[in-house]
Amino acid sequence: MDAILKQPMERPSLAVGIVMERRTVKSGRWDAERWEAVDVVPDPGGVPHVLIEDSAHARWLHPGFAVTLYRDEAEGYYLNLATSQPFVFVMWREEDGVAVPKIVTASYNEAGRMTDGGEQVDGVPMPADMARWLAEFTEAHYRPEPKKRIRPPSFKGARRTPGEEGGR
């Protein structure tokens, strides 16, 4: 993952390719295809192409993506890194029978918003060097919001007369 794009430090980017896999799934009497993102690799350049294909499965490499970091997504990066296995999230759509990646992010929050919006999002285990890169950015830019203490409303107008025992 040495392919860090030259960007202002505000928005560092890492050039990546996405490997999508199609598998034939037997479901009773029917065969169905299932697509999923299975790997994130350094961007090799070029155009999308088949890496391997047979009747049971196929792997396609989709180059030309970037994981770009934004300060306002720092909480989402923190939440991703706080798990036992950080992920790169790939939003994809099926076009002409092939799964095509559209957006790649390291933000847990952004992936959640896409999923909530009805998009297909897969999590791919994040390579260790990318996790270190993401951790450096997150350390520099994530500042948890201070928790505000919620105080119960006051008992306005509550009057007690001498001898009352707290309403018992």
N, C-alpha and C. Protein backbone atom coordinates (compact mmCIF):
# COMPACT_ATOMS: atom_id res chain seq x y z
N MET A 1 0.82 -1.19 0.00
CA MET A 1 0.00 0.00 0.00
C MET A 1 0.87 1.25 0.00
N ASP A 2 1.97 1.22 -0.72
CA ASP A 2 2.86 2.37 -0.79
C ASP A 2 2.38 3.41 -1.79
N ALA A 3 1.25 3.18 -2.41
CA ALA A 3 0.77 4.07 -3.46
C ALA A 3 -0.06 5.22 -2.90
N ILE A 4 0.45 5.93 -1.91
CA ILE A 4 -0.26 7.07 -1.36
C ILE A 4 -0.21 8.18 -2.39
N LEU A 5 -1.39 8.66 -2.77
CA LEU A 5 -1.47 9.70 -3.78
C LEU A 5 -1.03 11.02 -3.18
N LYS A 6 -0.44 11.86 -4.01
CA LYS A 6 -0.01 13.18 -3.57
C LYS A 6 -1.24 14.07 -3.41
N GLN A 7 -1.66 14.29 -2.19
CA GLN A 7 -2.82 15.10 -1.86
C GLN A 7 -2.44 16.03 -0.72
N PRO A 8 -3.20 17.11 -0.56
CA PRO A 8 -2.97 17.91 0.64
C PRO A 8 -3.17 17.03 1.87
N MET A 9 -2.45 17.31 2.94
CA MET A 9 -2.55 16.48 4.14
C MET A 9 -3.97 16.42 4.68
N GLU A 10 -4.81 17.36 4.30
CA GLU A 10 -6.20 17.32 4.75
C GLU A 10 -6.93 16.11 4.19
N ARG A 11 -6.58 15.68 2.99
CA ARG A 11 -7.27 14.58 2.33
C ARG A 11 -6.30 13.59 1.72
N PRO A 12 -5.57 12.88 2.56
CA PRO A 12 -4.66 11.88 2.00
C PRO A 12 -5.45 10.75 1.36
N SER A 13 -4.90 10.16 0.31
CA SER A 13 -5.56 9.08 -0.41
C SER A 13 -4.62 7.93 -0.63
N LEU A 14 -5.19 6.77 -0.75
CA LEU A 14 -4.44 5.56 -1.04
C LEU A 14 -5.09 4.91 -2.25
N ALA A 15 -4.32 4.71 -3.31
CA ALA A 15 -4.84 4.12 -4.55
C ALA A 15 -4.99 2.61 -4.39
N VAL A 16 -6.19 2.11 -4.69
CA VAL A 16 -6.46 0.68 -4.51
C VAL A 16 -7.23 0.11 -5.69
N GLY A 17 -7.16 -1.20 -5.78
CA GLY A 17 -8.00 -1.97 -6.68
C GLY A 17 -8.88 -2.87 -5.84
N ILE A 18 -10.04 -3.22 -6.34
CA ILE A 18 -10.98 -4.05 -5.61
C ILE A 18 -11.18 -5.36 -6.37
N VAL A 19 -11.10 -6.48 -5.64
CA VAL A 19 -11.35 -7.78 -6.23
C VAL A 19 -12.77 -8.20 -5.84
N MET A 20 -13.59 -8.44 -6.86
CA MET A 20 -14.96 -8.90 -6.67
C MET A 20 -15.02 -10.38 -7.08
N GLU A 21 -15.79 -11.15 -6.32
CA GLU A 21 -15.89 -12.58 -6.61
C GLU A 21 -17.35 -12.98 -6.82
N ARG A 22 -17.57 -13.81 -7.85
CA ARG A 22 -18.88 -14.40 -8.11
C ARG A 22 -18.79 -15.88 -7.80
N ARG A 23 -19.74 -16.36 -7.02
CA ARG A 23 -19.81 -17.79 -6.71
C ARG A 23 -21.19 -18.31 -7.08
N THR A 24 -21.20 -19.53 -7.55
CA THR A 24 -22.47 -20.20 -7.79
C THR A 24 -22.90 -20.86 -6.50
N VAL A 25 -24.12 -20.56 -6.08
CA VAL A 25 -24.65 -21.07 -4.83
C VAL A 25 -25.83 -22.00 -5.15
N LYS A 26 -25.76 -23.21 -4.64
CA LYS A 26 -26.86 -24.16 -4.84
C LYS A 26 -27.93 -23.89 -3.79
N SER A 27 -29.13 -23.68 -4.24
CA SER A 27 -30.25 -23.42 -3.35
C SER A 27 -31.40 -24.33 -3.77
N GLY A 28 -31.44 -25.51 -3.16
CA GLY A 28 -32.46 -26.48 -3.54
C GLY A 28 -32.21 -26.95 -4.96
N ARG A 29 -33.22 -26.79 -5.80
CA ARG A 29 -33.08 -27.22 -7.20
C ARG A 29 -32.46 -26.13 -8.07
N TRP A 30 -32.27 -24.95 -7.51
CA TRP A 30 -31.83 -23.81 -8.32
C TRP A 30 -30.37 -23.46 -8.02
N ASP A 31 -29.72 -22.96 -9.04
CA ASP A 31 -28.39 -22.38 -8.87
C ASP A 31 -28.53 -20.87 -8.95
N ALA A 32 -27.88 -20.17 -8.04
CA ALA A 32 -27.91 -18.71 -8.05
C ALA A 32 -26.48 -18.21 -7.97
N GLU A 33 -26.29 -17.00 -8.42
CA GLU A 33 -24.97 -16.37 -8.32
C GLU A 33 -24.98 -15.40 -7.15
N ARG A 34 -23.84 -15.34 -6.50
CA ARG A 34 -23.67 -14.40 -5.39
C ARG A 34 -22.36 -13.66 -5.60
N TRP A 35 -22.43 -12.34 -5.58
CA TRP A 35 -21.25 -11.49 -5.71
C TRP A 35 -20.88 -10.93 -4.35
N GLU A 36 -19.57 -10.73 -4.14
CA GLU A 36 -19.10 -10.01 -2.96
C GLU A 36 -17.68 -9.49 -3.20
N ALA A 37 -17.37 -8.39 -2.50
CA ALA A 37 -16.00 -7.87 -2.51
C ALA A 37 -15.17 -8.77 -1.61
N VAL A 38 -13.99 -9.21 -2.10
CA VAL A 38 -13.19 -10.15 -1.32
C VAL A 38 -11.77 -9.69 -1.02
N ASP A 39 -11.30 -8.63 -1.70
CA ASP A 39 -9.93 -8.19 -1.44
C ASP A 39 -9.73 -6.75 -1.87
N VAL A 40 -8.80 -6.09 -1.19
CA VAL A 40 -8.35 -4.74 -1.53
C VAL A 40 -6.86 -4.86 -1.76
N VAL A 41 -6.39 -4.40 -2.93
CA VAL A 41 -4.98 -4.54 -3.31
C VAL A 41 -4.45 -3.18 -3.75
N PRO A 42 -3.13 -3.00 -3.76
CA PRO A 42 -2.58 -1.77 -4.32
C PRO A 42 -3.05 -1.63 -5.76
N ASP A 43 -3.36 -0.42 -6.17
CA ASP A 43 -3.90 -0.19 -7.51
C ASP A 43 -2.89 -0.56 -8.59
N PRO A 44 -3.24 -1.56 -9.43
CA PRO A 44 -2.31 -1.95 -10.50
C PRO A 44 -2.48 -1.11 -11.76
N GLY A 45 -3.47 -0.22 -11.78
CA GLY A 45 -3.76 0.54 -12.99
C GLY A 45 -4.49 -0.33 -14.00
N GLY A 46 -4.78 0.24 -15.14
CA GLY A 46 -5.44 -0.52 -16.19
C GLY A 46 -6.95 -0.44 -16.10
N VAL A 47 -7.58 -1.45 -16.67
CA VAL A 47 -9.04 -1.52 -16.74
C VAL A 47 -9.53 -2.76 -16.00
N PRO A 48 -10.82 -2.79 -15.63
CA PRO A 48 -11.34 -3.99 -14.98
C PRO A 48 -11.15 -5.21 -15.88
N HIS A 49 -10.76 -6.33 -15.24
CA HIS A 49 -10.56 -7.55 -16.02
C HIS A 49 -10.74 -8.78 -15.14
N VAL A 50 -10.98 -9.91 -15.82
CA VAL A 50 -11.18 -11.18 -15.14
C VAL A 50 -9.82 -11.72 -14.71
N LEU A 51 -9.70 -12.13 -13.45
CA LEU A 51 -8.48 -12.77 -12.96
C LEU A 51 -8.57 -14.27 -13.14
N ILE A 52 -9.75 -14.83 -12.85
CA ILE A 52 -9.98 -16.27 -12.96
C ILE A 52 -11.47 -16.48 -13.17
N GLU A 53 -11.81 -17.49 -13.97
CA GLU A 53 -13.23 -17.77 -14.18
C GLU A 53 -13.41 -19.23 -14.57
N ASP A 54 -14.38 -19.85 -13.92
CA ASP A 54 -14.82 -21.18 -14.33
C ASP A 54 -16.32 -21.25 -14.05
N SER A 55 -16.92 -22.41 -14.13
CA SER A 55 -18.37 -22.50 -13.98
C SER A 55 -18.83 -22.23 -12.55
N ALA A 56 -17.96 -22.42 -11.57
CA ALA A 56 -18.35 -22.26 -10.17
C ALA A 56 -18.07 -20.87 -9.60
N HIS A 57 -17.06 -20.18 -10.12
CA HIS A 57 -16.77 -18.85 -9.59
C HIS A 57 -15.93 -18.04 -10.58
N ALA A 58 -15.88 -16.74 -10.30
CA ALA A 58 -15.05 -15.82 -11.09
C ALA A 58 -14.54 -14.74 -10.15
N ARG A 59 -13.35 -14.23 -10.47
CA ARG A 59 -12.79 -13.08 -9.74
C ARG A 59 -12.44 -12.00 -10.76
N TRP A 60 -12.91 -10.79 -10.47
CA TRP A 60 -12.65 -9.63 -11.30
C TRP A 60 -11.83 -8.63 -10.49
N LEU A 61 -10.87 -7.99 -11.15
CA LEU A 61 -10.09 -6.91 -10.53
C LEU A 61 -10.57 -5.59 -11.12
N HIS A 62 -10.97 -4.69 -10.22
CA HIS A 62 -11.42 -3.36 -10.62
C HIS A 62 -10.42 -2.33 -10.09
N PRO A 63 -9.51 -1.85 -10.94
CA PRO A 63 -8.53 -0.85 -10.50
C PRO A 63 -9.12 0.56 -10.51
N GLY A 64 -8.34 1.50 -10.02
CA GLY A 64 -8.69 2.91 -10.17
C GLY A 64 -9.50 3.52 -9.05
N PHE A 65 -9.47 2.94 -7.88
CA PHE A 65 -10.19 3.50 -6.74
C PHE A 65 -9.22 4.15 -5.77
N ALA A 66 -9.77 4.98 -4.90
CA ALA A 66 -8.95 5.61 -3.87
C ALA A 66 -9.70 5.58 -2.56
N VAL A 67 -9.00 5.27 -1.49
CA VAL A 67 -9.52 5.45 -0.15
C VAL A 67 -9.02 6.83 0.27
N THR A 68 -9.94 7.77 0.32
CA THR A 68 -9.59 9.15 0.67
C THR A 68 -10.10 9.43 2.07
N LEU A 69 -9.25 10.06 2.87
CA LEU A 69 -9.60 10.34 4.26
C LEU A 69 -10.04 11.80 4.42
N TYR A 70 -11.11 11.97 5.21
CA TYR A 70 -11.68 13.28 5.47
C TYR A 70 -11.76 13.50 6.97
N ARG A 71 -11.44 14.71 7.41
CA ARG A 71 -11.48 15.01 8.84
C ARG A 71 -12.85 14.78 9.45
N ASP A 72 -13.90 15.12 8.72
CA ASP A 72 -15.25 14.98 9.30
C ASP A 72 -15.72 13.53 9.37
N GLU A 73 -14.94 12.59 8.86
CA GLU A 73 -15.26 11.16 9.00
C GLU A 73 -14.37 10.49 10.05
N ALA A 74 -13.60 11.27 10.80
CA ALA A 74 -12.64 10.70 11.77
C ALA A 74 -13.31 9.79 12.79
N GLU A 75 -14.53 10.12 13.22
CA GLU A 75 -15.21 9.24 14.17
C GLU A 75 -15.48 7.87 13.53
N GLY A 76 -15.88 7.86 12.27
CA GLY A 76 -16.13 6.60 11.56
C GLY A 76 -14.87 5.77 11.42
N TYR A 77 -13.72 6.41 11.22
CA TYR A 77 -12.45 5.69 11.15
C TYR A 77 -12.11 5.11 12.52
N TYR A 78 -12.33 5.92 13.55
CA TYR A 78 -12.06 5.46 14.92
C TYR A 78 -12.90 4.23 15.24
N LEU A 79 -14.19 4.28 14.94
CA LEU A 79 -15.07 3.15 15.22
C LEU A 79 -14.63 1.90 14.45
N ASN A 80 -14.17 2.07 13.23
CA ASN A 80 -13.68 0.95 12.43
C ASN A 80 -12.42 0.36 13.06
N LEU A 81 -11.49 1.21 13.45
CA LEU A 81 -10.23 0.75 14.04
C LEU A 81 -10.41 0.15 15.43
N ALA A 82 -11.51 0.51 16.11
CA ALA A 82 -11.75 0.01 17.46
C ALA A 82 -12.26 -1.43 17.47
N THR A 83 -12.53 -2.01 16.31
CA THR A 83 -12.99 -3.39 16.24
C THR A 83 -11.80 -4.33 16.20
N SER A 84 -12.06 -5.61 16.42
CA SER A 84 -10.96 -6.58 16.38
C SER A 84 -10.43 -6.77 14.96
N GLN A 85 -11.26 -6.48 13.94
CA GLN A 85 -10.84 -6.59 12.54
C GLN A 85 -11.36 -5.37 11.77
N PRO A 86 -10.51 -4.37 11.52
CA PRO A 86 -10.95 -3.23 10.71
C PRO A 86 -11.23 -3.66 9.27
N PHE A 87 -12.13 -2.95 8.62
CA PHE A 87 -12.53 -3.28 7.26
C PHE A 87 -12.37 -2.09 6.33
N VAL A 88 -12.22 -2.40 5.05
CA VAL A 88 -12.41 -1.44 3.97
C VAL A 88 -13.81 -1.77 3.46
N PHE A 89 -14.65 -0.75 3.33
CA PHE A 89 -16.03 -0.97 2.91
C PHE A 89 -16.18 -0.63 1.43
N VAL A 90 -16.79 -1.55 0.69
CA VAL A 90 -16.95 -1.41 -0.75
C VAL A 90 -18.43 -1.39 -1.08
N MET A 91 -18.91 -0.26 -1.61
CA MET A 91 -20.28 -0.17 -2.10
C MET A 91 -20.24 -0.53 -3.58
N TRP A 92 -21.11 -1.48 -3.98
CA TRP A 92 -21.10 -1.93 -5.36
C TRP A 92 -22.53 -2.13 -5.87
N ARG A 93 -22.62 -2.15 -7.20
CA ARG A 93 -23.90 -2.42 -7.87
C ARG A 93 -23.66 -3.43 -8.99
N GLU A 94 -24.67 -4.22 -9.26
CA GLU A 94 -24.55 -5.19 -10.35
C GLU A 94 -24.97 -4.50 -11.65
N GLU A 95 -24.09 -4.61 -12.65
CA GLU A 95 -24.33 -4.02 -13.97
C GLU A 95 -24.04 -5.08 -15.02
N ASP A 96 -25.04 -5.41 -15.82
CA ASP A 96 -24.90 -6.42 -16.88
C ASP A 96 -24.34 -7.73 -16.34
N GLY A 97 -24.81 -8.15 -15.18
CA GLY A 97 -24.41 -9.42 -14.60
C GLY A 97 -23.06 -9.43 -13.91
N VAL A 98 -22.43 -8.27 -13.76
CA VAL A 98 -21.13 -8.17 -13.10
C VAL A 98 -21.23 -7.16 -11.96
N ALA A 99 -20.69 -7.50 -10.79
CA ALA A 99 -20.66 -6.58 -9.66
C ALA A 99 -19.57 -5.54 -9.91
N VAL A 100 -19.96 -4.27 -9.84
CA VAL A 100 -19.03 -3.18 -10.13
C VAL A 100 -18.92 -2.28 -8.89
N PRO A 101 -17.72 -2.18 -8.30
CA PRO A 101 -17.53 -1.27 -7.16
C PRO A 101 -17.78 0.17 -7.58
N LYS A 102 -18.36 0.94 -6.68
CA LYS A 102 -18.65 2.35 -6.95
C LYS A 102 -17.94 3.28 -5.97
N ILE A 103 -17.93 2.89 -4.68
CA ILE A 103 -17.33 3.72 -3.64
C ILE A 103 -16.54 2.82 -2.69
N VAL A 104 -15.37 3.29 -2.28
CA VAL A 104 -14.54 2.58 -1.31
C VAL A 104 -14.26 3.53 -0.16
N THR A 105 -14.48 3.07 1.08
CA THR A 105 -14.27 3.93 2.24
C THR A 105 -13.73 3.11 3.41
N ALA A 106 -13.10 3.81 4.33
CA ALA A 106 -12.65 3.18 5.58
C ALA A 106 -13.52 3.63 6.75
N SER A 107 -14.55 4.43 6.47
CA SER A 107 -15.41 4.97 7.54
C SER A 107 -16.58 4.05 7.83
N TYR A 108 -16.64 3.60 9.07
CA TYR A 108 -17.76 2.79 9.53
C TYR A 108 -19.06 3.56 9.38
N ASN A 109 -19.05 4.85 9.70
CA ASN A 109 -20.26 5.67 9.61
C ASN A 109 -20.73 5.83 8.17
N GLU A 110 -19.81 6.09 7.25
CA GLU A 110 -20.19 6.24 5.85
C GLU A 110 -20.77 4.94 5.29
N ALA A 111 -20.15 3.82 5.64
CA ALA A 111 -20.67 2.52 5.20
C ALA A 111 -22.09 2.31 5.74
N GLY A 112 -22.32 2.69 6.99
CA GLY A 112 -23.65 2.57 7.57
C GLY A 112 -24.67 3.42 6.86
N ARG A 113 -24.29 4.65 6.49
CA ARG A 113 -25.22 5.52 5.77
C ARG A 113 -25.58 4.92 4.41
N MET A 114 -24.59 4.35 3.72
CA MET A 114 -24.86 3.73 2.42
C MET A 114 -25.78 2.53 2.57
N THR A 115 -25.52 1.71 3.58
CA THR A 115 -26.37 0.54 3.84
C THR A 115 -27.79 0.98 4.18
N ASP A 116 -27.92 2.00 5.04
CA ASP A 116 -29.23 2.52 5.39
C ASP A 116 -29.97 3.05 4.17
N GLY A 117 -29.23 3.52 3.18
CA GLY A 117 -29.81 4.03 1.94
C GLY A 117 -30.15 2.93 0.95
N GLY A 118 -29.95 1.67 1.33
CA GLY A 118 -30.34 0.55 0.46
C GLY A 118 -29.25 0.05 -0.46
N GLU A 119 -28.03 0.54 -0.31
CA GLU A 119 -26.94 0.10 -1.17
C GLU A 119 -26.33 -1.21 -0.67
N GLN A 120 -25.72 -1.94 -1.58
CA GLN A 120 -25.00 -3.17 -1.24
C GLN A 120 -23.59 -2.77 -0.81
N VAL A 121 -23.21 -3.07 0.44
CA VAL A 121 -21.89 -2.73 0.97
C VAL A 121 -21.28 -3.97 1.59
N ASP A 122 -20.06 -4.30 1.16
CA ASP A 122 -19.32 -5.42 1.73
C ASP A 122 -18.11 -4.89 2.48
N GLY A 123 -17.78 -5.56 3.58
CA GLY A 123 -16.57 -5.25 4.32
C GLY A 123 -15.48 -6.23 3.96
N VAL A 124 -14.32 -5.70 3.59
CA VAL A 124 -13.16 -6.51 3.24
C VAL A 124 -12.10 -6.27 4.32
N PRO A 125 -11.51 -7.32 4.90
CA PRO A 125 -10.49 -7.10 5.92
C PRO A 125 -9.42 -6.11 5.44
N MET A 126 -9.13 -5.13 6.30
CA MET A 126 -8.18 -4.08 5.96
C MET A 126 -6.75 -4.59 6.10
N PRO A 127 -5.93 -4.37 5.05
CA PRO A 127 -4.51 -4.75 5.18
C PRO A 127 -3.85 -3.98 6.32
N ALA A 128 -2.89 -4.61 6.97
CA ALA A 128 -2.24 -4.04 8.16
C ALA A 128 -1.59 -2.68 7.89
N ASP A 129 -0.93 -2.53 6.74
CA ASP A 129 -0.28 -1.25 6.46
C ASP A 129 -1.31 -0.14 6.24
N MET A 130 -2.46 -0.47 5.68
CA MET A 130 -3.52 0.52 5.52
C MET A 130 -4.09 0.88 6.89
N ALA A 131 -4.22 -0.09 7.78
CA ALA A 131 -4.73 0.18 9.13
C ALA A 131 -3.79 1.12 9.88
N ARG A 132 -2.48 0.94 9.71
CA ARG A 132 -1.51 1.85 10.36
C ARG A 132 -1.65 3.27 9.81
N TRP A 133 -1.79 3.38 8.50
CA TRP A 133 -1.98 4.67 7.83
C TRP A 133 -3.25 5.35 8.34
N LEU A 134 -4.33 4.58 8.42
CA LEU A 134 -5.60 5.11 8.90
C LEU A 134 -5.50 5.52 10.37
N ALA A 135 -4.79 4.72 11.17
CA ALA A 135 -4.63 5.02 12.60
C ALA A 135 -3.87 6.34 12.79
N GLU A 136 -2.85 6.60 11.99
CA GLU A 136 -2.10 7.86 12.09
C GLU A 136 -3.02 9.05 11.83
N PHE A 137 -3.83 8.96 10.79
CA PHE A 137 -4.75 10.04 10.46
C PHE A 137 -5.78 10.22 11.57
N THR A 138 -6.33 9.12 12.05
CA THR A 138 -7.36 9.16 13.08
C THR A 138 -6.80 9.76 14.37
N GLU A 139 -5.60 9.35 14.73
CA GLU A 139 -4.95 9.89 15.93
C GLU A 139 -4.79 11.40 15.84
N ALA A 140 -4.46 11.89 14.66
CA ALA A 140 -4.24 13.32 14.47
C ALA A 140 -5.54 14.13 14.41
N HIS A 141 -6.64 13.50 13.99
CA HIS A 141 -7.84 14.29 13.71
C HIS A 141 -9.09 13.93 14.51
N TYR A 142 -9.12 12.81 15.20
CA TYR A 142 -10.33 12.44 15.94
C TYR A 142 -10.31 13.03 17.34
N ARG A 143 -11.31 13.79 17.65
CA ARG A 143 -11.49 14.36 18.97
C ARG A 143 -12.90 14.02 19.43
N PRO A 144 -13.03 13.07 20.37
CA PRO A 144 -14.38 12.72 20.83
C PRO A 144 -15.09 13.93 21.41
N GLU A 145 -16.37 14.02 21.14
CA GLU A 145 -17.14 15.11 21.71
C GLU A 145 -17.32 14.85 23.20
N PRO A 146 -17.16 15.89 24.02
CA PRO A 146 -17.34 15.68 25.46
C PRO A 146 -18.78 15.27 25.75
N LYS A 147 -18.92 14.34 26.68
CA LYS A 147 -20.26 13.90 27.06
C LYS A 147 -20.89 14.95 27.95
N LYS A 148 -22.13 15.26 27.63
CA LYS A 148 -22.86 16.23 28.44
C LYS A 148 -23.70 15.48 29.45
N ARG A 149 -23.63 15.95 30.68
CA ARG A 149 -24.42 15.32 31.74
C ARG A 149 -25.85 15.82 31.61
N ILE A 150 -26.77 14.88 31.54
CA ILE A 150 -28.17 15.25 31.45
C ILE A 150 -28.72 15.27 32.88
N ARG A 151 -29.16 16.43 33.26
CA ARG A 151 -29.68 16.59 34.61
C ARG A 151 -31.20 16.46 34.57
N PRO A 152 -31.75 15.77 35.55
CA PRO A 152 -33.21 15.63 35.57
C PRO A 152 -33.86 16.99 35.80
N PRO A 153 -35.07 17.15 35.28
CA PRO A 153 -35.73 18.44 35.52
C PRO A 153 -35.94 18.66 37.01
N SER A 154 -35.92 19.91 37.39
CA SER A 154 -36.11 20.23 38.83
C SER A 154 -37.56 20.00 39.21
N PHE A 155 -37.78 19.86 40.49
CA PHE A 155 -39.13 19.68 41.00
C PHE A 155 -39.70 21.05 41.33
N LYS A 156 -40.01 21.81 40.30
CA LYS A 156 -40.54 23.16 40.51
C LYS A 156 -41.89 23.08 41.21
N GLY A 157 -42.02 23.87 42.19
CA GLY A 157 -43.30 23.95 42.88
C GLY A 157 -43.54 22.85 43.90
N ALA A 158 -42.60 21.94 44.07
CA ALA A 158 -42.79 20.88 45.06
C ALA A 158 -42.65 21.49 46.44
N ARG A 159 -43.68 21.34 47.24
CA ARG A 159 -43.65 21.92 48.58
C ARG A 159 -43.86 20.80 49.59
N ARG A 160 -43.10 20.88 50.60
CA ARG A 160 -43.25 19.89 51.68
C ARG A 160 -43.52 20.64 52.97
N THR A 161 -44.34 20.05 53.71
CA THR A 161 -44.63 20.66 55.01
C THR A 161 -43.83 19.94 56.06
N PRO A 162 -43.51 20.61 57.14
CA PRO A 162 -42.75 19.93 58.19
C PRO A 162 -43.47 18.67 58.63
N GLY A 163 -42.75 17.59 58.80
CA GLY A 163 -43.31 16.33 59.28
C GLY A 163 -43.57 15.35 58.13
N GLU A 164 -43.54 15.83 56.87
CA GLU A 164 -43.71 14.89 55.76
C GLU A 164 -42.48 14.02 55.66
N GLU A 165 -42.66 12.77 55.29
CA GLU A 165 -41.53 11.86 55.20
C GLU A 165 -41.24 11.51 53.76
N GLY A 166 -41.02 12.51 52.95
CA GLY A 166 -40.64 12.26 51.57
C GLY A 166 -41.74 11.62 50.74
N GLY A 167 -42.99 11.86 51.06
CA GLY A 167 -44.09 11.35 50.26
C GLY A 167 -44.45 9.92 50.54
N ARG A 168 -44.02 9.36 51.65
CA ARG A 168 -44.35 7.96 51.93
C ARG A 168 -45.71 7.84 52.51
